[in-house]
C-alpha atoms as a PDB file:
ATOM      1  CA  MET A   1      49.705 182.071 115.339  1.00  0.00           C
ATOM      2  CA  LYS A   2      49.294 179.253 117.720  1.00  0.00           C
ATOM      3  CA  ILE A   3      50.978 178.917 121.176  1.00  0.00           C
ATOM      4  CA  LYS A   4      53.090 175.965 120.862  1.00  0.00           C
ATOM      5  CA  ASP A   5      54.276 177.452 117.824  1.00  0.00           C
ATOM      6  CA  ILE A   6      55.048 181.128 119.799  1.00  0.00           C
ATOM      7  CA  GLN A   7      56.635 178.247 122.839  1.00  0.00           C
ATOM      8  CA  LYS A   8      59.839 177.977 120.935  1.00  0.00           C
ATOM      9  CA  LYS A   9      61.082 180.845 123.604  1.00  0.00           C
ATOM     10  CA  VAL A  10      60.378 182.050 126.963  1.00  0.00           C
ATOM     11  CA  THR A  11      57.125 184.040 126.910  1.00  0.00           C
ATOM     12  CA  PHE A  12      56.168 186.765 127.869  1.00  0.00           C
ATOM     13  CA  SER A  13      52.166 187.743 128.449  1.00  0.00           C
ATOM     14  CA  PHE A  14      48.828 189.290 129.750  1.00  0.00           C
ATOM     15  CA  GLU A  15      46.146 188.619 130.566  1.00  0.00           C
ATOM     16  CA  ILE A  16      43.093 190.988 130.792  1.00  0.00           C
ATOM     17  CA  PHE A  17      38.960 190.941 131.085  1.00  0.00           C
ATOM     18  CA  PRO A  18      36.062 192.062 129.911  1.00  0.00           C
ATOM     19  CA  PRO A  19      34.259 195.132 130.919  1.00  0.00           C
ATOM     20  CA  LYS A  20      31.427 194.773 132.876  1.00  0.00           C
ATOM     21  CA  LYS A  21      29.546 197.435 130.728  1.00  0.00           C
ATOM     22  CA  THR A  22      29.272 197.882 127.093  1.00  0.00           C
ATOM     23  CA  TYR A  23      32.476 199.005 125.484  1.00  0.00           C
ATOM     24  CA  SER A  24      33.465 201.159 122.313  1.00  0.00           C
ATOM     25  CA  SER A  25      36.499 201.385 120.390  1.00  0.00           C
ATOM     26  CA  ALA A  26      37.478 204.406 122.469  1.00  0.00           C
ATOM     27  CA  SER A  27      37.749 202.747 125.622  1.00  0.00           C
ATOM     28  CA  LEU A  28      39.087 199.737 124.668  1.00  0.00           C
ATOM     29  CA  ALA A  29      42.535 201.894 123.329  1.00  0.00           C
ATOM     30  CA  LYS A  30      42.652 203.129 126.858  1.00  0.00           C
ATOM     31  CA  THR A  31      43.765 199.442 127.912  1.00  0.00           C
ATOM     32  CA  PHE A  32      44.910 197.592 124.812  1.00  0.00           C
ATOM     33  CA  ALA A  33      46.579 200.455 123.162  1.00  0.00           C
ATOM     34  CA  PRO A  34      49.168 200.436 125.840  1.00  0.00           C
ATOM     35  CA  LEU A  35      49.221 197.124 126.638  1.00  0.00           C
ATOM     36  CA  THR A  36      50.229 195.520 123.006  1.00  0.00           C
ATOM     37  CA  ALA A  37      52.630 198.046 122.608  1.00  0.00           C
ATOM     38  CA  LEU A  38      54.515 196.580 125.176  1.00  0.00           C
ATOM     39  CA  GLN A  39      54.439 193.443 122.723  1.00  0.00           C
ATOM     40  CA  PRO A  40      53.635 190.596 124.909  1.00  0.00           C
ATOM     41  CA  ASP A  41      53.517 187.143 122.907  1.00  0.00           C
ATOM     42  CA  PHE A  42      49.512 186.904 123.717  1.00  0.00           C
ATOM     43  CA  ILE A  43      47.222 188.408 125.268  1.00  0.00           C
ATOM     44  CA  SER A  44      44.107 186.462 127.460  1.00  0.00           C
ATOM     45  CA  VAL A  45      40.788 187.395 127.363  1.00  0.00           C
ATOM     46  CA  THR A  46      38.512 185.410 130.337  1.00  0.00           C
ATOM     47  CA  TYR A  47      34.939 184.889 130.432  1.00  0.00           C
ATOM     48  CA  GLY A  48      33.593 187.698 133.064  1.00  0.00           C
ATOM     49  CA  ALA A  49      31.798 186.842 135.890  1.00  0.00           C
ATOM     50  CA  GLY A  50      29.217 183.779 135.409  1.00  0.00           C
ATOM     51  CA  GLY A  51      29.734 182.683 132.214  1.00  0.00           C
ATOM     52  CA  SER A  52      26.794 184.046 130.335  1.00  0.00           C
ATOM     53  CA  THR A  53      25.946 184.063 126.214  1.00  0.00           C
ATOM     54  CA  ILE A  54      26.609 188.083 126.459  1.00  0.00           C
ATOM     55  CA  GLN A  55      29.755 187.314 128.327  1.00  0.00           C
ATOM     56  CA  GLN A  56      30.945 184.854 126.094  1.00  0.00           C
ATOM     57  CA  ASN A  57      30.372 187.011 123.475  1.00  0.00           C
ATOM     58  CA  LYS A  58      32.733 189.632 124.819  1.00  0.00           C
ATOM     59  CA  THR A  59      35.791 187.478 125.121  1.00  0.00           C
ATOM     60  CA  VAL A  60      34.912 186.579 121.410  1.00  0.00           C
ATOM     61  CA  ASP A  61      34.626 189.569 120.115  1.00  0.00           C
ATOM     62  CA  LEU A  62      37.937 191.042 122.268  1.00  0.00           C
ATOM     63  CA  CYS A  63      39.697 188.332 120.915  1.00  0.00           C
ATOM     64  CA  ARG A  64      38.978 189.366 117.400  1.00  0.00           C
ATOM     65  CA  ILE A  65      39.652 193.550 117.706  1.00  0.00           C
ATOM     66  CA  LEU A  66      43.110 192.278 119.744  1.00  0.00           C
ATOM     67  CA  LYS A  67      43.980 189.794 116.154  1.00  0.00           C
ATOM     68  CA  GLN A  68      42.790 192.143 113.598  1.00  0.00           C
ATOM     69  CA  GLU A  69      43.414 195.724 115.274  1.00  0.00           C
ATOM     70  CA  TYR A  70      46.073 195.343 117.453  1.00  0.00           C
ATOM     71  CA  HIS A  71      47.556 192.393 115.754  1.00  0.00           C
ATOM     72  CA  THR A  72      48.543 190.373 118.920  1.00  0.00           C
ATOM     73  CA  GLU A  73      47.717 187.118 119.902  1.00  0.00           C
ATOM     74  CA  ALA A  74      45.039 185.805 121.657  1.00  0.00           C
ATOM     75  CA  VAL A  75      43.635 183.188 123.364  1.00  0.00           C
ATOM     76  CA  ALA A  76      39.998 183.186 124.411  1.00  0.00           C
ATOM     77  CA  HIS A  77      39.401 181.332 127.436  1.00  0.00           C
ATOM     78  CA  LEU A  78      36.899 179.314 127.431  1.00  0.00           C
ATOM     79  CA  THR A  79      34.265 177.253 130.427  1.00  0.00           C
ATOM     80  CA  CYS A  80      32.243 174.140 130.031  1.00  0.00           C
ATOM     81  CA  ILE A  81      30.371 173.191 133.379  1.00  0.00           C
ATOM     82  CA  ASN A  82      26.917 174.455 132.186  1.00  0.00           C
ATOM     83  CA  SER A  83      27.161 174.211 128.942  1.00  0.00           C
ATOM     84  CA  ARG A  84      25.638 171.539 126.135  1.00  0.00           C
ATOM     85  CA  LYS A  85      28.030 169.952 123.410  1.00  0.00           C
ATOM     86  CA  SER A  86      26.178 171.763 121.054  1.00  0.00           C
ATOM     87  CA  GLU A  87      26.181 174.949 122.463  1.00  0.00           C
ATOM     88  CA  VAL A  88      30.005 174.290 123.076  1.00  0.00           C
ATOM     89  CA  ALA A  89      30.407 173.544 118.992  1.00  0.00           C
ATOM     90  CA  GLY A  90      28.247 176.505 118.363  1.00  0.00           C
ATOM     91  CA  MET A  91      31.469 178.868 120.073  1.00  0.00           C
ATOM     92  CA  LEU A  92      34.035 176.723 118.591  1.00  0.00           C
ATOM     93  CA  GLU A  93      32.877 177.253 115.102  1.00  0.00           C
ATOM     94  CA  LEU A  94      32.414 181.366 116.904  1.00  0.00           C
ATOM     95  CA  MET A  95      35.730 181.500 117.389  1.00  0.00           C
ATOM     96  CA  LYS A  96      36.653 179.891 113.999  1.00  0.00           C
ATOM     97  CA  ALA A  97      35.444 182.212 111.961  1.00  0.00           C
ATOM     98  CA  GLN A  98      36.183 185.328 113.842  1.00  0.00           C
ATOM     99  CA  GLY A  99      39.808 184.094 113.362  1.00  0.00           C
ATOM    100  CA  ILE A 100      40.275 182.784 116.945  1.00  0.00           C
ATOM    101  CA  GLU A 101      42.844 179.714 117.209  1.00  0.00           C
ATOM    102  CA  ASN A 102      43.780 179.286 120.604  1.00  0.00           C
ATOM    103  CA  ILE A 103      42.064 178.493 123.768  1.00  0.00           C
ATOM    104  CA  LEU A 104      42.033 178.094 127.329  1.00  0.00           C
ATOM    105  CA  ALA A 105      39.975 175.540 128.450  1.00  0.00           C
ATOM    106  CA  LEU A 106      38.200 175.695 132.211  1.00  0.00           C
ATOM    107  CA  ARG A 107      35.879 173.986 133.669  1.00  0.00           C
ATOM    108  CA  GLY A 108      34.411 176.964 135.041  1.00  0.00           C
ATOM    109  CA  ASP A 109      33.047 177.804 138.996  1.00  0.00           C
ATOM    110  CA  ARG A 110      30.368 175.381 140.360  1.00  0.00           C
ATOM    111  CA  ASN A 111      27.243 177.142 141.537  1.00  0.00           C
ATOM    112  CA  PRO A 112      26.129 174.589 144.716  1.00  0.00           C
ATOM    113  CA  ASP A 113      22.906 176.385 144.271  1.00  0.00           C
ATOM    114  CA  ILE A 114      22.440 174.986 140.557  1.00  0.00           C
ATOM    115  CA  VAL A 115      22.540 171.818 139.708  1.00  0.00           C
ATOM    116  CA  SER A 116      24.513 171.988 136.056  1.00  0.00           C
ATOM    117  CA  PRO A 117      21.993 170.645 133.043  1.00  0.00           C
ATOM    118  CA  GLY A 118      25.282 170.936 131.129  1.00  0.00           C
ATOM    119  CA  ASP A 119      27.353 168.102 129.569  1.00  0.00           C
ATOM    120  CA  PHE A 120      30.771 168.004 130.963  1.00  0.00           C
ATOM    121  CA  HIS A 121      32.060 167.966 134.135  1.00  0.00           C
ATOM    122  CA  TYR A 122      35.604 168.890 133.918  1.00  0.00           C
ATOM    123  CA  ALA A 123      37.775 170.376 132.023  1.00  0.00           C
ATOM    124  CA  TRP A 124      39.948 167.091 130.581  1.00  0.00           C
ATOM    125  CA  GLU A 125      36.152 166.669 129.293  1.00  0.00           C
ATOM    126  CA  LEU A 126      36.032 170.173 127.177  1.00  0.00           C
ATOM    127  CA  ILE A 127      40.080 169.894 126.109  1.00  0.00           C
ATOM    128  CA  ALA A 128      38.827 166.386 124.689  1.00  0.00           C
ATOM    129  CA  PHE A 129      36.171 167.869 122.558  1.00  0.00           C
ATOM    130  CA  ILE A 130      37.228 170.747 121.358  1.00  0.00           C
ATOM    131  CA  HIS A 131      41.009 168.631 120.419  1.00  0.00           C
ATOM    132  CA  GLU A 132      38.286 165.693 118.864  1.00  0.00           C
ATOM    133  CA  HIS A 133      36.131 168.592 117.180  1.00  0.00           C
ATOM    134  CA  SER A 134      38.467 171.769 116.124  1.00  0.00           C
ATOM    135  CA  ASP A 135      42.104 172.457 115.904  1.00  0.00           C
ATOM    136  CA  PHE A 136      42.651 175.246 118.255  1.00  0.00           C
ATOM    137  CA  ASP A 137      45.615 174.952 119.961  1.00  0.00           C
ATOM    138  CA  ILE A 138      44.365 174.125 123.532  1.00  0.00           C
ATOM    139  CA  CYS A 139      45.654 175.738 126.944  1.00  0.00           C
ATOM    140  CA  ALA A 140      45.182 174.561 130.403  1.00  0.00           C
ATOM    141  CA  ALA A 141      44.676 176.047 134.139  1.00  0.00           C
ATOM    142  CA  CYS A 142      47.107 174.204 136.568  1.00  0.00           C
ATOM    143  CA  TYR A 143      48.047 175.161 139.978  1.00  0.00           C
ATOM    144  CA  PRO A 144      50.690 175.013 141.804  1.00  0.00           C
ATOM    145  CA  GLU A 145      48.762 174.523 145.720  1.00  0.00           C
ATOM    146  CA  GLY A 146      46.524 172.097 143.977  1.00  0.00           C
ATOM    147  CA  HIS A 147      42.833 173.148 143.369  1.00  0.00           C
ATOM    148  CA  PRO A 148      41.118 173.859 146.351  1.00  0.00           C
ATOM    149  CA  GLU A 149      38.946 171.475 145.269  1.00  0.00           C
ATOM    150  CA  SER A 150      41.523 168.398 145.314  1.00  0.00           C
ATOM    151  CA  GLY A 151      42.399 166.543 148.032  1.00  0.00           C
ATOM    152  CA  SER A 152      46.354 167.094 147.393  1.00  0.00           C
ATOM    153  CA  LEU A 153      48.495 168.455 145.212  1.00  0.00           C
ATOM    154  CA  ARG A 154      49.562 164.798 144.461  1.00  0.00           C
ATOM    155  CA  GLU A 155      46.156 164.062 143.023  1.00  0.00           C
ATOM    156  CA  ASP A 156      45.547 167.787 141.637  1.00  0.00           C
ATOM    157  CA  VAL A 157      48.311 167.118 139.739  1.00  0.00           C
ATOM    158  CA  ARG A 158      47.296 163.080 138.665  1.00  0.00           C
ATOM    159  CA  HIS A 159      43.910 164.657 137.236  1.00  0.00           C
ATOM    160  CA  LEU A 160      46.237 167.524 135.120  1.00  0.00           C
ATOM    161  CA  LYS A 161      47.795 164.987 133.710  1.00  0.00           C
ATOM    162  CA  GLN A 162      44.438 163.779 132.294  1.00  0.00           C
ATOM    163  CA  LYS A 163      43.827 167.258 130.573  1.00  0.00           C
ATOM    164  CA  VAL A 164      46.849 166.949 128.948  1.00  0.00           C
ATOM    165  CA  ASP A 165      46.468 162.961 127.968  1.00  0.00           C
ATOM    166  CA  ALA A 166      43.371 164.883 126.525  1.00  0.00           C
ATOM    167  CA  GLY A 167      45.400 166.966 124.079  1.00  0.00           C
ATOM    168  CA  VAL A 168      46.857 170.311 125.385  1.00  0.00           C
ATOM    169  CA  SER A 169      49.552 172.033 124.678  1.00  0.00           C
ATOM    170  CA  SER A 170      50.603 174.126 127.140  1.00  0.00           C
ATOM    171  CA  LEU A 171      49.979 175.372 131.415  1.00  0.00           C
ATOM    172  CA  ILE A 172      49.181 178.686 132.224  1.00  0.00           C
ATOM    173  CA  THR A 173      49.047 178.220 136.653  1.00  0.00           C
ATOM    174  CA  GLN A 174      47.018 180.390 138.878  1.00  0.00           C
ATOM    175  CA  LEU A 175      48.457 183.145 140.768  1.00  0.00           C
ATOM    176  CA  PHE A 176      50.777 182.143 143.956  1.00  0.00           C
ATOM    177  CA  PHE A 177      53.281 183.904 145.204  1.00  0.00           C
ATOM    178  CA  ASP A 178      56.477 181.949 146.625  1.00  0.00           C
ATOM    179  CA  ASN A 179      58.400 180.225 144.020  1.00  0.00           C
ATOM    180  CA  GLU A 180      58.930 177.525 146.196  1.00  0.00           C
ATOM    181  CA  ASP A 181      55.619 176.302 144.852  1.00  0.00           C
ATOM    182  CA  PHE A 182      55.798 176.539 141.926  1.00  0.00           C
ATOM    183  CA  TYR A 183      59.091 174.767 142.147  1.00  0.00           C
ATOM    184  CA  ARG A 184      57.511 171.964 143.818  1.00  0.00           C
ATOM    185  CA  PHE A 185      54.761 171.742 141.598  1.00  0.00           C
ATOM    186  CA  GLN A 186      57.542 171.681 138.414  1.00  0.00           C
ATOM    187  CA  GLU A 187      58.762 168.157 140.206  1.00  0.00           C
ATOM    188  CA  LEU A 188      55.462 167.407 140.991  1.00  0.00           C
ATOM    189  CA  CYS A 189      54.323 167.695 137.034  1.00  0.00           C
ATOM    190  CA  ASP A 190      57.823 165.810 135.977  1.00  0.00           C
ATOM    191  CA  VAL A 191      57.033 162.646 138.134  1.00  0.00           C
ATOM    192  CA  ALA A 192      54.058 162.468 136.822  1.00  0.00           C
ATOM    193  CA  ASP A 193      54.941 162.696 132.615  1.00  0.00           C
ATOM    194  CA  ILE A 194      54.101 166.225 132.544  1.00  0.00           C
ATOM    195  CA  HIS A 195      56.270 167.637 129.894  1.00  0.00           C
ATOM    196  CA  VAL A 196      53.767 170.646 128.609  1.00  0.00           C
ATOM    197  CA  PRO A 197      55.550 173.797 128.448  1.00  0.00           C
ATOM    198  CA  ILE A 198      54.202 175.740 132.032  1.00  0.00           C
ATOM    199  CA  HIS A 199      53.958 179.969 132.084  1.00  0.00           C
ATOM    200  CA  ALA A 200      54.299 181.446 135.439  1.00  0.00           C
ATOM    201  CA  GLY A 201      50.910 183.506 136.741  1.00  0.00           C
ATOM    202  CA  ILE A 202      51.753 186.186 137.989  1.00  0.00           C
ATOM    203  CA  MET A 203      49.487 189.052 139.824  1.00  0.00           C
ATOM    204  CA  PRO A 204      51.052 192.694 141.784  1.00  0.00           C
ATOM    205  CA  VAL A 205      49.295 193.588 144.435  1.00  0.00           C
ATOM    206  CA  THR A 206      46.833 196.411 143.743  1.00  0.00           C
ATOM    207  CA  ASN A 207      45.176 197.103 146.876  1.00  0.00           C
ATOM    208  CA  LYS A 208      44.125 194.769 149.962  1.00  0.00           C
ATOM    209  CA  ASN A 209      41.150 193.158 149.451  1.00  0.00           C
ATOM    210  CA  GLN A 210      41.423 192.519 146.006  1.00  0.00           C
ATOM    211  CA  ILE A 211      44.094 190.347 147.145  1.00  0.00           C
ATOM    212  CA  GLU A 212      42.041 188.712 149.906  1.00  0.00           C
ATOM    213  CA  ARG A 213      39.296 187.966 147.804  1.00  0.00           C
ATOM    214  CA  MET A 214      41.579 186.335 144.725  1.00  0.00           C
ATOM    215  CA  VAL A 215      43.561 184.209 147.916  1.00  0.00           C
ATOM    216  CA  SER A 216      39.988 183.143 148.860  1.00  0.00           C
ATOM    217  CA  MET A 217      38.085 182.089 145.726  1.00  0.00           C
ATOM    218  CA  CYS A 218      41.986 180.142 144.753  1.00  0.00           C
ATOM    219  CA  GLY A 219      43.235 179.193 147.596  1.00  0.00           C
ATOM    220  CA  ALA A 220      46.805 180.580 147.220  1.00  0.00           C
ATOM    221  CA  SER A 221      49.007 180.864 149.979  1.00  0.00           C
ATOM    222  CA  LEU A 222      50.682 183.912 151.561  1.00  0.00           C
ATOM    223  CA  PRO A 223      54.044 183.975 152.842  1.00  0.00           C
ATOM    224  CA  LYS A 224      55.255 185.801 155.444  1.00  0.00           C
ATOM    225  CA  LYS A 225      57.558 188.195 153.204  1.00  0.00           C
ATOM    226  CA  PHE A 226      54.160 189.326 151.603  1.00  0.00           C
ATOM    227  CA  ALA A 227      51.845 189.247 154.422  1.00  0.00           C
ATOM    228  CA  ARG A 228      54.353 191.744 156.036  1.00  0.00           C
ATOM    229  CA  MET A 229      54.678 193.418 152.744  1.00  0.00           C
ATOM    230  CA  MET A 230      51.046 193.747 153.016  1.00  0.00           C
ATOM    231  CA  ALA A 231      50.515 195.290 156.671  1.00  0.00           C
ATOM    232  CA  ARG A 232      52.896 197.532 156.365  1.00  0.00           C
ATOM    233  CA  TYR A 233      51.455 199.155 153.504  1.00  0.00           C
ATOM    234  CA  GLU A 234      47.821 198.619 153.360  1.00  0.00           C
ATOM    235  CA  ASN A 235      46.702 201.859 154.158  1.00  0.00           C
ATOM    236  CA  ASP A 236      48.897 204.098 151.994  1.00  0.00           C
ATOM    237  CA  PRO A 237      47.876 202.930 147.760  1.00  0.00           C
ATOM    238  CA  VAL A 238      50.484 204.365 146.196  1.00  0.00           C
ATOM    239  CA  ALA A 239      53.122 202.614 148.363  1.00  0.00           C
ATOM    240  CA  LEU A 240      51.229 199.215 148.139  1.00  0.00           C
ATOM    241  CA  GLN A 241      50.790 199.480 145.103  1.00  0.00           C
ATOM    242  CA  ASP A 242      55.100 200.605 144.705  1.00  0.00           C
ATOM    243  CA  ALA A 243      55.841 197.477 147.147  1.00  0.00           C
ATOM    244  CA  GLY A 244      53.871 195.120 144.553  1.00  0.00           C
ATOM    245  CA  ILE A 245      55.251 195.849 141.570  1.00  0.00           C
ATOM    246  CA  SER A 246      58.732 195.187 143.611  1.00  0.00           C
ATOM    247  CA  TYR A 247      57.081 191.792 144.754  1.00  0.00           C
ATOM    248  CA  ALA A 248      56.184 190.885 141.106  1.00  0.00           C
ATOM    249  CA  THR A 249      59.549 192.426 139.303  1.00  0.00           C
ATOM    250  CA  GLU A 250      61.468 189.687 142.937  1.00  0.00           C
ATOM    251  CA  GLN A 251      59.254 186.888 142.223  1.00  0.00           C
ATOM    252  CA  ILE A 252      59.607 187.187 138.021  1.00  0.00           C
ATOM    253  CA  VAL A 253      63.034 187.513 137.655  1.00  0.00           C
ATOM    254  CA  ASP A 254      63.803 184.508 139.813  1.00  0.00           C
ATOM    255  CA  LEU A 255      61.513 182.466 137.977  1.00  0.00           C
ATOM    256  CA  LEU A 256      63.732 183.973 134.544  1.00  0.00           C
ATOM    257  CA  SER A 257      67.149 182.733 136.295  1.00  0.00           C
ATOM    258  CA  SER A 258      65.526 179.268 137.031  1.00  0.00           C
ATOM    259  CA  GLY A 259      64.214 178.795 133.557  1.00  0.00           C
ATOM    260  CA  VAL A 260      60.974 179.605 133.725  1.00  0.00           C
ATOM    261  CA  ASP A 261      58.728 178.648 130.653  1.00  0.00           C
ATOM    262  CA  GLY A 262      57.269 181.702 130.500  1.00  0.00           C
ATOM    263  CA  ILE A 263      55.351 184.851 132.688  1.00  0.00           C
ATOM    264  CA  HIS A 264      51.674 185.383 132.217  1.00  0.00           C
ATOM    265  CA  LEU A 265      50.872 189.021 133.762  1.00  0.00           C
ATOM    266  CA  TYR A 266      47.481 188.903 135.587  1.00  0.00           C
ATOM    267  CA  THR A 267      47.069 193.181 134.470  1.00  0.00           C
ATOM    268  CA  MET A 268      43.410 193.320 135.631  1.00  0.00           C
ATOM    269  CA  ASN A 269      43.453 196.097 132.843  1.00  0.00           C
ATOM    270  CA  LYS A 270      45.297 198.020 134.659  1.00  0.00           C
ATOM    271  CA  PRO A 271      48.139 199.072 130.960  1.00  0.00           C
ATOM    272  CA  GLU A 272      50.445 201.131 134.064  1.00  0.00           C
ATOM    273  CA  LEU A 273      51.155 197.888 136.304  1.00  0.00           C
ATOM    274  CA  ALA A 274      52.332 195.794 133.396  1.00  0.00           C
ATOM    275  CA  LYS A 275      54.293 198.437 132.064  1.00  0.00           C
ATOM    276  CA  LYS A 276      56.356 199.021 135.091  1.00  0.00           C
ATOM    277  CA  ILE A 277      56.945 194.942 135.372  1.00  0.00           C
ATOM    278  CA  SER A 278      57.552 194.787 131.794  1.00  0.00           C
ATOM    279  CA  ASP A 279      60.451 197.703 132.004  1.00  0.00           C
ATOM    280  CA  ASN A 280      61.465 195.956 134.888  1.00  0.00           C
ATOM    281  CA  VAL A 281      61.854 192.139 133.472  1.00  0.00           C
ATOM    282  CA  ARG A 282      61.869 192.692 129.957  1.00  0.00           C
ATOM    283  CA  SER A 283      65.633 192.286 129.202  1.00  0.00           C
ATOM    284  CA  LEU A 284      65.716 189.590 131.170  1.00  0.00           C
ATOM    285  CA  VAL A 285      63.464 188.069 129.102  1.00  0.00           C
ATOM    286  CA  ASP A 286      65.143 188.818 125.703  1.00  0.00           C
ATOM    287  CA  ALA A 287      68.150 187.470 127.360  1.00  0.00           C
ATOM    288  CA  ARG A 288      66.475 184.188 127.825  1.00  0.00           C
ATOM    289  CA  ASN A 289      65.615 184.226 124.600  1.00  0.00           C
ATOM    290  CA  ARG A 290      69.266 184.658 122.728  1.00  0.00           C
ATOM    291  CA  GLN A 291      70.692 181.803 124.831  1.00  0.00           C
END
């Protein structure tokens, strides 16, 4: 099923990443079984570090397993920064052969030490290529506080409009910790005539080093309330995890109450976190869908 068909309701979905090492059915079951038991509307699978051919194939294989063995809709991440058109065309053929219907189209991270030999420089070019050469449903990334390489949030929204016009049916945000940033972004999208569903990306905090690394990569800001929580519990892993779950839950409750199109939970391959948050908010998602 395509995400644009699921999107007739408020969605609750997850993101996972491929294991760094080889994996077995038994090892996958430890993550897949408890996550899919929560009945997410879909699960997106990242490209993994480096976007190598091995990682690409892992992404496709995990999406196939999710669909065929766990009966859960999957969204395959696809990056393009170092790819030729022929390589992307081959990947699209592979995805189609494995029954994948949904792609999250991304530029991918630039490596300043490598001059890209690829045919794509921006995500909108990949989106346009997929739209022209296939019938995949295409999702794209967006940044409530602006892409780190953009001069301003307004400039980034103009680039986002280019993505949407190229063939995107829905958007998934980068993580954020202040819902006011998301609402401001929504308003700018409306002004820019961007009217596709926007799934809010939420990451529960599990440890201080991890969140600092993620924030440095994506440029998300940390509100004072969040920083106080981190400072208070950073040396108590259990307390920090519980506080992080509560903070993420509070964000989601507010987003659902404000009419968000969907929640996309960055699970970090930790089903126990996803379950606690799902238990906290599932009734609210269901209530929104009954309205």
